[in-house]
All heavy atoms as atom14 arrays in JSON, in Angstrom:
{
  "sequence": "QRELVARISRDGSTNYADSVKGRFAISRDNAKNTVYLQMNSLKPED",
  "atom14_mask": [
    [1, 1, 1, 1, 1, 1, 1, 1, 1, 0, 0, 0, 0, 0],
    [1, 1, 1, 1, 1, 1, 1, 1, 1, 1, 1, 0, 0, 0],
    [1, 1, 1, 1, 1, 1, 1, 1, 1, 0, 0, 0, 0, 0],
    [1, 1, 1, 1, 1, 1, 1, 1, 0, 0, 0, 0, 0, 0],
    [1, 1, 1, 1, 1, 1, 1, 0, 0, 0, 0, 0, 0, 0],
    [1, 1, 1, 1, 1, 0, 0, 0, 0, 0, 0, 0, 0, 0],
    [1, 1, 1, 1, 1, 1, 1, 1, 1, 1, 1, 0, 0, 0],
    [1, 1, 1, 1, 1, 1, 1, 1, 0, 0, 0, 0, 0, 0],
    [1, 1, 1, 1, 1, 1, 0, 0, 0, 0, 0, 0, 0, 0],
    [1, 1, 1, 1, 1, 1, 1, 1, 1, 1, 1, 0, 0, 0],
    [1, 1, 1, 1, 1, 1, 1, 1, 0, 0, 0, 0, 0, 0],
    [1, 1, 1, 1, 0, 0, 0, 0, 0, 0, 0, 0, 0, 0],
    [1, 1, 1, 1, 1, 1, 0, 0, 0, 0, 0, 0, 0, 0],
    [1, 1, 1, 1, 1, 1, 1, 0, 0, 0, 0, 0, 0, 0],
    [1, 1, 1, 1, 1, 1, 1, 1, 0, 0, 0, 0, 0, 0],
    [1, 1, 1, 1, 1, 1, 1, 1, 1, 1, 1, 1, 0, 0],
    [1, 1, 1, 1, 1, 0, 0, 0, 0, 0, 0, 0, 0, 0],
    [1, 1, 1, 1, 1, 1, 1, 1, 0, 0, 0, 0, 0, 0],
    [1, 1, 1, 1, 1, 1, 0, 0, 0, 0, 0, 0, 0, 0],
    [1, 1, 1, 1, 1, 1, 1, 0, 0, 0, 0, 0, 0, 0],
    [1, 1, 1, 1, 1, 1, 1, 1, 1, 0, 0, 0, 0, 0],
    [1, 1, 1, 1, 0, 0, 0, 0, 0, 0, 0, 0, 0, 0],
    [1, 1, 1, 1, 1, 1, 1, 1, 1, 1, 1, 0, 0, 0],
    [1, 1, 1, 1, 1, 1, 1, 1, 1, 1, 1, 0, 0, 0],
    [1, 1, 1, 1, 1, 0, 0, 0, 0, 0, 0, 0, 0, 0],
    [1, 1, 1, 1, 1, 1, 1, 1, 0, 0, 0, 0, 0, 0],
    [1, 1, 1, 1, 1, 1, 0, 0, 0, 0, 0, 0, 0, 0],
    [1, 1, 1, 1, 1, 1, 1, 1, 1, 1, 1, 0, 0, 0],
    [1, 1, 1, 1, 1, 1, 1, 1, 0, 0, 0, 0, 0, 0],
    [1, 1, 1, 1, 1, 1, 1, 1, 0, 0, 0, 0, 0, 0],
    [1, 1, 1, 1, 1, 0, 0, 0, 0, 0, 0, 0, 0, 0],
    [1, 1, 1, 1, 1, 1, 1, 1, 1, 0, 0, 0, 0, 0],
    [1, 1, 1, 1, 1, 1, 1, 1, 0, 0, 0, 0, 0, 0],
    [1, 1, 1, 1, 1, 1, 1, 0, 0, 0, 0, 0, 0, 0],
    [1, 1, 1, 1, 1, 1, 1, 0, 0, 0, 0, 0, 0, 0],
    [1, 1, 1, 1, 1, 1, 1, 1, 1, 1, 1, 1, 0, 0],
    [1, 1, 1, 1, 1, 1, 1, 1, 0, 0, 0, 0, 0, 0],
    [1, 1, 1, 1, 1, 1, 1, 1, 1, 0, 0, 0, 0, 0],
    [1, 1, 1, 1, 1, 1, 1, 1, 0, 0, 0, 0, 0, 0],
    [1, 1, 1, 1, 1, 1, 1, 1, 0, 0, 0, 0, 0, 0],
    [1, 1, 1, 1, 1, 1, 0, 0, 0, 0, 0, 0, 0, 0],
    [1, 1, 1, 1, 1, 1, 1, 1, 0, 0, 0, 0, 0, 0],
    [1, 1, 1, 1, 1, 1, 1, 1, 1, 0, 0, 0, 0, 0],
    [1, 1, 1, 1, 1, 1, 1, 0, 0, 0, 0, 0, 0, 0],
    [1, 1, 1, 1, 1, 1, 1, 1, 1, 0, 0, 0, 0, 0],
    [1, 1, 1, 1, 1, 1, 1, 1, 0, 0, 0, 0, 0, 0]
  ],
  "atom14_positions": [
    [[-19.73, 3.34, 85.26], [-20.55, 3.12, 86.44], [-20.53, 1.64, 86.84], [-20.31, 0.76, 86.01], [-21.99, 3.57, 86.17], [-22.16, 5.08, 86.08], [-23.63, 5.48, 86.0], [-24.46, 4.76, 85.47], [-23.95, 6.65, 86.56], [0.0, 0.0, 0.0], [0.0, 0.0, 0.0], [0.0, 0.0, 0.0], [0.0, 0.0, 0.0], [0.0, 0.0, 0.0]],
    [[-20.79, 1.41, 88.1], [-20.92, 0.04, 88.58], [-22.17, -0.59, 87.95], [-23.23, 0.05, 87.88], [-21.02, 0.01, 90.11], [-20.9, -1.35, 90.72], [-20.86, -1.28, 92.24], [-19.71, -0.52, 92.72], [-19.36, -0.45, 94.01], [-20.1, -1.09, 94.92], [-18.33, 0.26, 94.38], [0.0, 0.0, 0.0], [0.0, 0.0, 0.0], [0.0, 0.0, 0.0]],
    [[-22.03, -1.83, 87.51], [-23.15, -2.5, 86.86], [-23.35, -3.89, 87.43], [-22.41, -4.54, 87.9], [-22.9, -2.61, 85.34], [-21.69, -3.43, 84.97], [-21.52, -3.61, 83.47], [-22.37, -3.1, 82.7], [-20.56, -4.29, 83.07], [0.0, 0.0, 0.0], [0.0, 0.0, 0.0], [0.0, 0.0, 0.0], [0.0, 0.0, 0.0], [0.0, 0.0, 0.0]],
    [[-24.59, -4.33, 87.36], [-24.92, -5.68, 87.8], [-24.32, -6.7, 86.84], [-24.45, -6.57, 85.63], [-26.43, -5.86, 87.87], [-26.92, -7.28, 88.15], [-26.59, -7.7, 89.57], [-28.42, -7.38, 87.88], [0.0, 0.0, 0.0], [0.0, 0.0, 0.0], [0.0, 0.0, 0.0], [0.0, 0.0, 0.0], [0.0, 0.0, 0.0], [0.0, 0.0, 0.0]],
    [[-23.71, -7.72, 87.4], [-23.22, -8.85, 86.6], [-24.2, -10.01, 86.73], [-24.69, -10.53, 85.73], [-21.82, -9.3, 87.05], [-21.38, -10.53, 86.26], [-20.82, -8.17, 86.89], [0.0, 0.0, 0.0], [0.0, 0.0, 0.0], [0.0, 0.0, 0.0], [0.0, 0.0, 0.0], [0.0, 0.0, 0.0], [0.0, 0.0, 0.0], [0.0, 0.0, 0.0]],
    [[-24.49, -10.4, 87.95], [-25.42, -11.5, 88.19], [-25.86, -11.46, 89.64], [-25.14, -10.97, 90.51], [-24.75, -12.85, 87.89], [0.0, 0.0, 0.0], [0.0, 0.0, 0.0], [0.0, 0.0, 0.0], [0.0, 0.0, 0.0], [0.0, 0.0, 0.0], [0.0, 0.0, 0.0], [0.0, 0.0, 0.0], [0.0, 0.0, 0.0], [0.0, 0.0, 0.0]],
    [[-27.06, -11.99, 89.89], [-27.54, -12.08, 91.26], [-28.41, -13.33, 91.39], [-28.95, -13.82, 90.4], [-28.32, -10.84, 91.68], [-29.54, -10.54, 90.84], [-30.14, -9.2, 91.22], [-31.22, -8.82, 90.34], [-31.7, -7.58, 90.24], [-31.18, -6.62, 90.99], [-32.69, -7.32, 89.43], [0.0, 0.0, 0.0], [0.0, 0.0, 0.0], [0.0, 0.0, 0.0]],
    [[-28.51, -13.8, 92.62], [-29.25, -15.02, 92.87], [-30.04, -14.87, 94.17], [-29.51, -14.4, 95.18], [-28.28, -16.24, 92.93], [-29.05, -17.54, 93.16], [-27.18, -16.05, 93.97], [-28.19, -18.79, 92.94], [0.0, 0.0, 0.0], [0.0, 0.0, 0.0], [0.0, 0.0, 0.0], [0.0, 0.0, 0.0], [0.0, 0.0, 0.0], [0.0, 0.0, 0.0]],
    [[-31.31, -15.22, 94.11], [-32.16, -15.15, 95.27], [-31.99, -16.39, 96.13], [-31.39, -17.38, 95.72], [-33.63, -15.01, 94.84], [-33.83, -13.84, 94.1], [0.0, 0.0, 0.0], [0.0, 0.0, 0.0], [0.0, 0.0, 0.0], [0.0, 0.0, 0.0], [0.0, 0.0, 0.0], [0.0, 0.0, 0.0], [0.0, 0.0, 0.0], [0.0, 0.0, 0.0]],
    [[-32.57, -16.33, 97.31], [-32.43, -17.45, 98.22], [-33.05, -18.72, 97.65], [-32.58, -19.83, 97.92], [-33.05, -17.11, 99.58], [-32.74, -18.13, 100.66], [-33.08, -17.65, 102.04], [-32.68, -18.63, 103.04], [-31.46, -18.69, 103.57], [-30.54, -17.82, 103.18], [-31.17, -19.6, 104.47], [0.0, 0.0, 0.0], [0.0, 0.0, 0.0], [0.0, 0.0, 0.0]],
    [[-34.09, -18.55, 96.82], [-34.74, -19.72, 96.23], [-34.01, -20.23, 94.98], [-34.46, -21.19, 94.36], [-36.2, -19.42, 95.89], [-36.35, -18.34, 94.82], [-35.32, -17.84, 94.32], [-37.5, -17.98, 94.5], [0.0, 0.0, 0.0], [0.0, 0.0, 0.0], [0.0, 0.0, 0.0], [0.0, 0.0, 0.0], [0.0, 0.0, 0.0], [0.0, 0.0, 0.0]],
    [[-32.93, -19.56, 94.61], [-32.12, -20.02, 93.49], [-32.4, -19.35, 92.16], [-31.71, -19.63, 91.18], [0.0, 0.0, 0.0], [0.0, 0.0, 0.0], [0.0, 0.0, 0.0], [0.0, 0.0, 0.0], [0.0, 0.0, 0.0], [0.0, 0.0, 0.0], [0.0, 0.0, 0.0], [0.0, 0.0, 0.0], [0.0, 0.0, 0.0], [0.0, 0.0, 0.0]],
    [[-33.37, -18.47, 92.11], [-33.64, -17.77, 90.86], [-32.51, -16.78, 90.57], [-31.96, -16.18, 91.5], [-34.98, -17.06, 90.91], [-35.02, -16.16, 91.99], [0.0, 0.0, 0.0], [0.0, 0.0, 0.0], [0.0, 0.0, 0.0], [0.0, 0.0, 0.0], [0.0, 0.0, 0.0], [0.0, 0.0, 0.0], [0.0, 0.0, 0.0], [0.0, 0.0, 0.0]],
    [[-32.18, -16.65, 89.29], [-31.0, -15.86, 88.91], [-31.34, -14.79, 87.87], [-32.31, -14.9, 87.12], [-29.91, -16.77, 88.33], [-30.44, -17.47, 87.2], [-29.42, -17.76, 89.36], [0.0, 0.0, 0.0], [0.0, 0.0, 0.0], [0.0, 0.0, 0.0], [0.0, 0.0, 0.0], [0.0, 0.0, 0.0], [0.0, 0.0, 0.0], [0.0, 0.0, 0.0]],
    [[-30.49, -13.76, 87.84], [-30.53, -12.73, 86.81], [-29.11, -12.48, 86.34], [-28.19, -12.47, 87.18], [-31.1, -11.41, 87.34], [-32.56, -11.52, 87.73], [-32.88, -11.68, 88.89], [-33.42, -11.47, 86.73], [0.0, 0.0, 0.0], [0.0, 0.0, 0.0], [0.0, 0.0, 0.0], [0.0, 0.0, 0.0], [0.0, 0.0, 0.0], [0.0, 0.0, 0.0]],
    [[-28.93, -12.28, 85.06], [-27.61, -12.02, 84.49], [-27.66, -10.79, 83.59], [-28.66, -10.53, 82.91], [-27.13, -13.2, 83.65], [-26.82, -14.45, 84.42], [-27.77, -15.44, 84.59], [-25.55, -14.65, 84.98], [-27.49, -16.6, 85.3], [-25.25, -15.81, 85.67], [-26.22, -16.77, 85.84], [-25.93, -17.91, 86.53], [0.0, 0.0, 0.0], [0.0, 0.0, 0.0]],
    [[-26.56, -10.08, 83.55], [-26.4, -9.06, 82.54], [-26.32, -9.74, 81.18], [-25.76, -10.83, 81.05], [-25.13, -8.25, 82.8], [0.0, 0.0, 0.0], [0.0, 0.0, 0.0], [0.0, 0.0, 0.0], [0.0, 0.0, 0.0], [0.0, 0.0, 0.0], [0.0, 0.0, 0.0], [0.0, 0.0, 0.0], [0.0, 0.0, 0.0], [0.0, 0.0, 0.0]],
    [[-26.89, -9.1, 80.16], [-26.88, -9.7, 78.83], [-25.46, -10.01, 78.36], [-25.23, -11.0, 77.67], [-27.57, -8.77, 77.83], [-29.08, -8.69, 78.02], [-29.64, -9.59, 78.68], [-29.68, -7.73, 77.52], [0.0, 0.0, 0.0], [0.0, 0.0, 0.0], [0.0, 0.0, 0.0], [0.0, 0.0, 0.0], [0.0, 0.0, 0.0], [0.0, 0.0, 0.0]],
    [[-24.52, -9.18, 78.76], [-23.14, -9.33, 78.27], [-22.45, -10.58, 78.81], [-21.41, -10.98, 78.28], [-22.32, -8.09, 78.64], [-22.31, -7.91, 80.04], [0.0, 0.0, 0.0], [0.0, 0.0, 0.0], [0.0, 0.0, 0.0], [0.0, 0.0, 0.0], [0.0, 0.0, 0.0], [0.0, 0.0, 0.0], [0.0, 0.0, 0.0], [0.0, 0.0, 0.0]],
    [[-22.99, -11.19, 79.85], [-22.32, -12.35, 80.44], [-23.15, -13.63, 80.32], [-22.66, -14.71, 80.7], [-21.96, -12.11, 81.92], [-21.16, -10.83, 82.07], [-23.19, -12.1, 82.81], [0.0, 0.0, 0.0], [0.0, 0.0, 0.0], [0.0, 0.0, 0.0], [0.0, 0.0, 0.0], [0.0, 0.0, 0.0], [0.0, 0.0, 0.0], [0.0, 0.0, 0.0]],
    [[-24.34, -13.53, 79.79], [-25.2, -14.72, 79.67], [-24.5, -15.78, 78.82], [-23.95, -15.48, 77.77], [-26.54, -14.34, 79.04], [-27.47, -13.63, 80.0], [-28.79, -13.28, 79.32], [-29.73, -12.56, 80.28], [-31.0, -12.15, 79.63], [0.0, 0.0, 0.0], [0.0, 0.0, 0.0], [0.0, 0.0, 0.0], [0.0, 0.0, 0.0], [0.0, 0.0, 0.0]],
    [[-24.55, -17.0, 79.31], [-23.92, -18.11, 78.6], [-22.45, -18.28, 78.91], [-21.86, -19.29, 78.53], [0.0, 0.0, 0.0], [0.0, 0.0, 0.0], [0.0, 0.0, 0.0], [0.0, 0.0, 0.0], [0.0, 0.0, 0.0], [0.0, 0.0, 0.0], [0.0, 0.0, 0.0], [0.0, 0.0, 0.0], [0.0, 0.0, 0.0], [0.0, 0.0, 0.0]],
    [[-21.85, -17.31, 79.59], [-20.42, -17.41, 79.94], [-20.19, -17.47, 81.43], [-19.25, -18.13, 81.89], [-19.67, -16.19, 79.36], [-19.75, -16.07, 77.86], [-18.81, -14.96, 77.35], [-19.18, -13.65, 77.86], [-18.35, -12.88, 78.58], [-17.14, -13.29, 78.86], [-18.75, -11.69, 78.98], [0.0, 0.0, 0.0], [0.0, 0.0, 0.0], [0.0, 0.0, 0.0]],
    [[-21.01, -16.77, 82.19], [-20.87, -16.72, 83.65], [-22.0, -17.51, 84.31], [-23.11, -17.61, 83.78], [-20.95, -15.29, 84.15], [-19.78, -14.4, 83.78], [-18.83, -14.79, 82.86], [-19.65, -13.15, 84.38], [-17.76, -13.98, 82.53], [-18.59, -12.33, 84.06], [-17.65, -12.73, 83.13], [0.0, 0.0, 0.0], [0.0, 0.0, 0.0], [0.0, 0.0, 0.0]],
    [[-21.7, -18.05, 85.47], [-22.72, -18.77, 86.24], [-22.58, -18.41, 87.71], [-21.49, -18.52, 88.29], [-22.57, -20.27, 86.06], [0.0, 0.0, 0.0], [0.0, 0.0, 0.0], [0.0, 0.0, 0.0], [0.0, 0.0, 0.0], [0.0, 0.0, 0.0], [0.0, 0.0, 0.0], [0.0, 0.0, 0.0], [0.0, 0.0, 0.0], [0.0, 0.0, 0.0]],
    [[-23.69, -17.99, 88.3], [-23.7, -17.64, 89.71], [-24.36, -18.77, 90.5], [-25.3, -19.42, 90.02], [-24.45, -16.3, 89.96], [-24.23, -15.82, 91.39], [-25.92, -16.42, 89.6], [-24.72, -14.39, 91.62], [0.0, 0.0, 0.0], [0.0, 0.0, 0.0], [0.0, 0.0, 0.0], [0.0, 0.0, 0.0], [0.0, 0.0, 0.0], [0.0, 0.0, 0.0]],
    [[-23.82, -19.03, 91.67], [-24.4, -20.05, 92.55], [-24.17, -19.63, 93.99], [-23.39, -18.71, 94.27], [-23.76, -21.42, 92.27], [-22.37, -21.38, 92.51], [0.0, 0.0, 0.0], [0.0, 0.0, 0.0], [0.0, 0.0, 0.0], [0.0, 0.0, 0.0], [0.0, 0.0, 0.0], [0.0, 0.0, 0.0], [0.0, 0.0, 0.0], [0.0, 0.0, 0.0]],
    [[-24.85, -20.3, 94.9], [-24.7, -19.95, 96.31], [-24.85, -21.19, 97.17], [-25.5, -22.16, 96.78], [-25.7, -18.88, 96.74], [-27.14, -19.3, 96.66], [-28.08, -18.11, 96.88], [-28.22, -17.74, 98.28], [-28.9, -16.67, 98.71], [-29.49, -15.87, 97.83], [-29.0, -16.41, 100.01], [0.0, 0.0, 0.0], [0.0, 0.0, 0.0], [0.0, 0.0, 0.0]],
    [[-24.22, -21.11, 98.33], [-24.35, -22.15, 99.34], [-24.92, -21.47, 100.58], [-24.21, -20.76, 101.29], [-22.97, -22.77, 99.64], [-23.05, -23.94, 100.6], [-23.96, -23.97, 101.44], [-22.18, -24.82, 100.52], [0.0, 0.0, 0.0], [0.0, 0.0, 0.0], [0.0, 0.0, 0.0], [0.0, 0.0, 0.0], [0.0, 0.0, 0.0], [0.0, 0.0, 0.0]],
    [[-26.21, -21.65, 100.81], [-26.86, -20.95, 101.92], [-26.32, -21.38, 103.28], [-26.26, -20.58, 104.2], [-28.37, -21.18, 101.86], [-29.02, -20.5, 100.66], [-28.55, -19.45, 100.21], [-30.07, -21.11, 100.13], [0.0, 0.0, 0.0], [0.0, 0.0, 0.0], [0.0, 0.0, 0.0], [0.0, 0.0, 0.0], [0.0, 0.0, 0.0], [0.0, 0.0, 0.0]],
    [[-25.92, -22.62, 103.39], [-25.39, -23.09, 104.67], [-24.07, -22.42, 105.01], [-23.73, -22.26, 106.19], [-25.21, -24.6, 104.62], [0.0, 0.0, 0.0], [0.0, 0.0, 0.0], [0.0, 0.0, 0.0], [0.0, 0.0, 0.0], [0.0, 0.0, 0.0], [0.0, 0.0, 0.0], [0.0, 0.0, 0.0], [0.0, 0.0, 0.0], [0.0, 0.0, 0.0]],
    [[-23.33, -22.0, 103.98], [-22.03, -21.36, 104.19], [-22.09, -19.86, 103.97], [-21.05, -19.19, 104.02], [-20.99, -21.98, 103.25], [-20.71, -23.45, 103.5], [-19.66, -23.97, 102.52], [-19.37, -25.44, 102.79], [-18.35, -25.97, 101.83], [0.0, 0.0, 0.0], [0.0, 0.0, 0.0], [0.0, 0.0, 0.0], [0.0, 0.0, 0.0], [0.0, 0.0, 0.0]],
    [[-23.27, -19.33, 103.68], [-23.42, -17.89, 103.39], [-22.41, -17.44, 102.34], [-21.77, -16.38, 102.47], [-23.24, -17.05, 104.66], [-24.44, -17.11, 105.58], [-25.51, -17.59, 105.18], [-24.27, -16.66, 106.8], [0.0, 0.0, 0.0], [0.0, 0.0, 0.0], [0.0, 0.0, 0.0], [0.0, 0.0, 0.0], [0.0, 0.0, 0.0], [0.0, 0.0, 0.0]],
    [[-22.29, -18.22, 101.3], [-21.28, -17.97, 100.27], [-21.93, -17.92, 98.9], [-22.83, -18.72, 98.6], [-20.22, -19.09, 100.3], [-19.6, -19.12, 101.59], [-19.15, -18.84, 99.25], [0.0, 0.0, 0.0], [0.0, 0.0, 0.0], [0.0, 0.0, 0.0], [0.0, 0.0, 0.0], [0.0, 0.0, 0.0], [0.0, 0.0, 0.0], [0.0, 0.0, 0.0]],
    [[-21.44, -16.99, 98.09], [-21.87, -16.88, 96.71], [-20.65, -17.02, 95.81], [-19.57, -16.54, 96.16], [-22.63, -15.56, 96.46], [-21.76, -14.35, 96.71], [-23.22, -15.53, 95.06], [0.0, 0.0, 0.0], [0.0, 0.0, 0.0], [0.0, 0.0, 0.0], [0.0, 0.0, 0.0], [0.0, 0.0, 0.0], [0.0, 0.0, 0.0], [0.0, 0.0, 0.0]],
    [[-20.84, -17.67, 94.67], [-19.76, -17.91, 93.73], [-20.13, -17.31, 92.38], [-21.29, -17.22, 92.02], [-19.53, -19.41, 93.55], [-19.3, -20.16, 94.84], [-20.35, -20.82, 95.47], [-18.04, -20.21, 95.42], [-20.15, -21.51, 96.66], [-17.83, -20.9, 96.61], [-18.89, -21.54, 97.23], [-18.7, -22.21, 98.4], [0.0, 0.0, 0.0], [0.0, 0.0, 0.0]],
    [[-19.1, -16.96, 91.63], [-19.29, -16.54, 90.24], [-18.25, -17.25, 89.4], [-17.07, -16.94, 89.49], [-19.16, -15.02, 90.09], [-19.46, -14.5, 88.69], [-20.96, -14.67, 88.36], [-19.08, -13.02, 88.56], [0.0, 0.0, 0.0], [0.0, 0.0, 0.0], [0.0, 0.0, 0.0], [0.0, 0.0, 0.0], [0.0, 0.0, 0.0], [0.0, 0.0, 0.0]],
    [[-18.7, -18.21, 88.61], [-17.82, -18.89, 87.68], [-17.82, -18.12, 86.37], [-18.88, -17.94, 85.77], [-18.31, -20.33, 87.45], [-17.48, -21.11, 86.46], [-16.07, -21.37, 86.95], [-15.87, -21.73, 88.1], [-15.09, -21.18, 86.08], [0.0, 0.0, 0.0], [0.0, 0.0, 0.0], [0.0, 0.0, 0.0], [0.0, 0.0, 0.0], [0.0, 0.0, 0.0]],
    [[-16.65, -17.68, 85.96], [-16.53, -16.85, 84.76], [-15.7, -17.61, 83.73], [-14.53, -17.9, 83.97], [-15.86, -15.52, 85.1], [-16.58, -14.74, 86.2], [-15.89, -13.1, 86.49], [-14.3, -13.54, 87.16], [0.0, 0.0, 0.0], [0.0, 0.0, 0.0], [0.0, 0.0, 0.0], [0.0, 0.0, 0.0], [0.0, 0.0, 0.0], [0.0, 0.0, 0.0]],
    [[-16.33, -17.94, 82.62], [-15.68, -18.66, 81.54], [-15.63, -17.79, 80.29], [-16.36, -16.81, 80.17], [-16.43, -19.96, 81.23], [-16.49, -20.9, 82.42], [-15.55, -21.0, 83.19], [-17.6, -21.61, 82.55], [0.0, 0.0, 0.0], [0.0, 0.0, 0.0], [0.0, 0.0, 0.0], [0.0, 0.0, 0.0], [0.0, 0.0, 0.0], [0.0, 0.0, 0.0]],
    [[-14.8, -18.18, 79.37], [-14.67, -17.44, 78.09], [-14.51, -15.95, 78.34], [-15.19, -15.13, 77.71], [-15.88, -17.71, 77.2], [-16.03, -19.09, 76.95], [0.0, 0.0, 0.0], [0.0, 0.0, 0.0], [0.0, 0.0, 0.0], [0.0, 0.0, 0.0], [0.0, 0.0, 0.0], [0.0, 0.0, 0.0], [0.0, 0.0, 0.0], [0.0, 0.0, 0.0]],
    [[-13.62, -15.61, 79.22], [-13.45, -14.21, 79.6], [-12.94, -13.37, 78.44], [-12.16, -13.84, 77.6], [-12.51, -14.1, 80.79], [-13.15, -14.46, 82.14], [-12.1, -14.8, 83.18], [-14.02, -13.31, 82.62], [0.0, 0.0, 0.0], [0.0, 0.0, 0.0], [0.0, 0.0, 0.0], [0.0, 0.0, 0.0], [0.0, 0.0, 0.0], [0.0, 0.0, 0.0]],
    [[-13.41, -12.13, 78.43], [-13.05, -11.18, 77.38], [-12.38, -9.96, 78.02], [-12.64, -9.67, 79.21], [-14.31, -10.72, 76.64], [-15.13, -11.83, 76.03], [-16.41, -11.28, 75.41], [-17.27, -12.39, 74.81], [-18.52, -11.85, 74.2], [0.0, 0.0, 0.0], [0.0, 0.0, 0.0], [0.0, 0.0, 0.0], [0.0, 0.0, 0.0], [0.0, 0.0, 0.0]],
    [[-11.58, -9.24, 77.26], [-10.95, -8.03, 77.83], [-11.98, -7.05, 78.41], [-11.69, -6.38, 79.42], [-10.22, -7.42, 76.64], [-9.88, -8.61, 75.79], [-11.06, -9.53, 75.93], [0.0, 0.0, 0.0], [0.0, 0.0, 0.0], [0.0, 0.0, 0.0], [0.0, 0.0, 0.0], [0.0, 0.0, 0.0], [0.0, 0.0, 0.0], [0.0, 0.0, 0.0]],
    [[-13.16, -7.0, 77.84], [-14.18, -6.08, 78.35], [-14.79, -6.53, 79.68], [-15.57, -5.81, 80.29], [-15.3, -5.87, 77.32], [-15.88, -7.14, 76.73], [-15.24, -7.51, 75.4], [-13.99, -7.43, 75.27], [-15.99, -7.9, 74.49], [0.0, 0.0, 0.0], [0.0, 0.0, 0.0], [0.0, 0.0, 0.0], [0.0, 0.0, 0.0], [0.0, 0.0, 0.0]],
    [[-14.43, -7.71, 80.15], [-14.83, -8.15, 81.48], [-13.92, -7.59, 82.57], [-14.19, -7.77, 83.77], [-14.82, -9.67, 81.56], [-15.86, -10.34, 80.68], [-17.0, -9.84, 80.62], [-15.52, -11.35, 80.04], [0.0, 0.0, 0.0], [0.0, 0.0, 0.0], [0.0, 0.0, 0.0], [0.0, 0.0, 0.0], [0.0, 0.0, 0.0], [0.0, 0.0, 0.0]]
  ]
}
């Protein structure tokens, strides 16, 4: 099934799946209506 990886509110608060905490970072640029997901230490299960 589709699962949440990470999300970020307009005020910058974030939520992460336990499986990606400490490895992934979500950020956003409100002026550009853009969201980013930096994924480090990737594993085959990602």
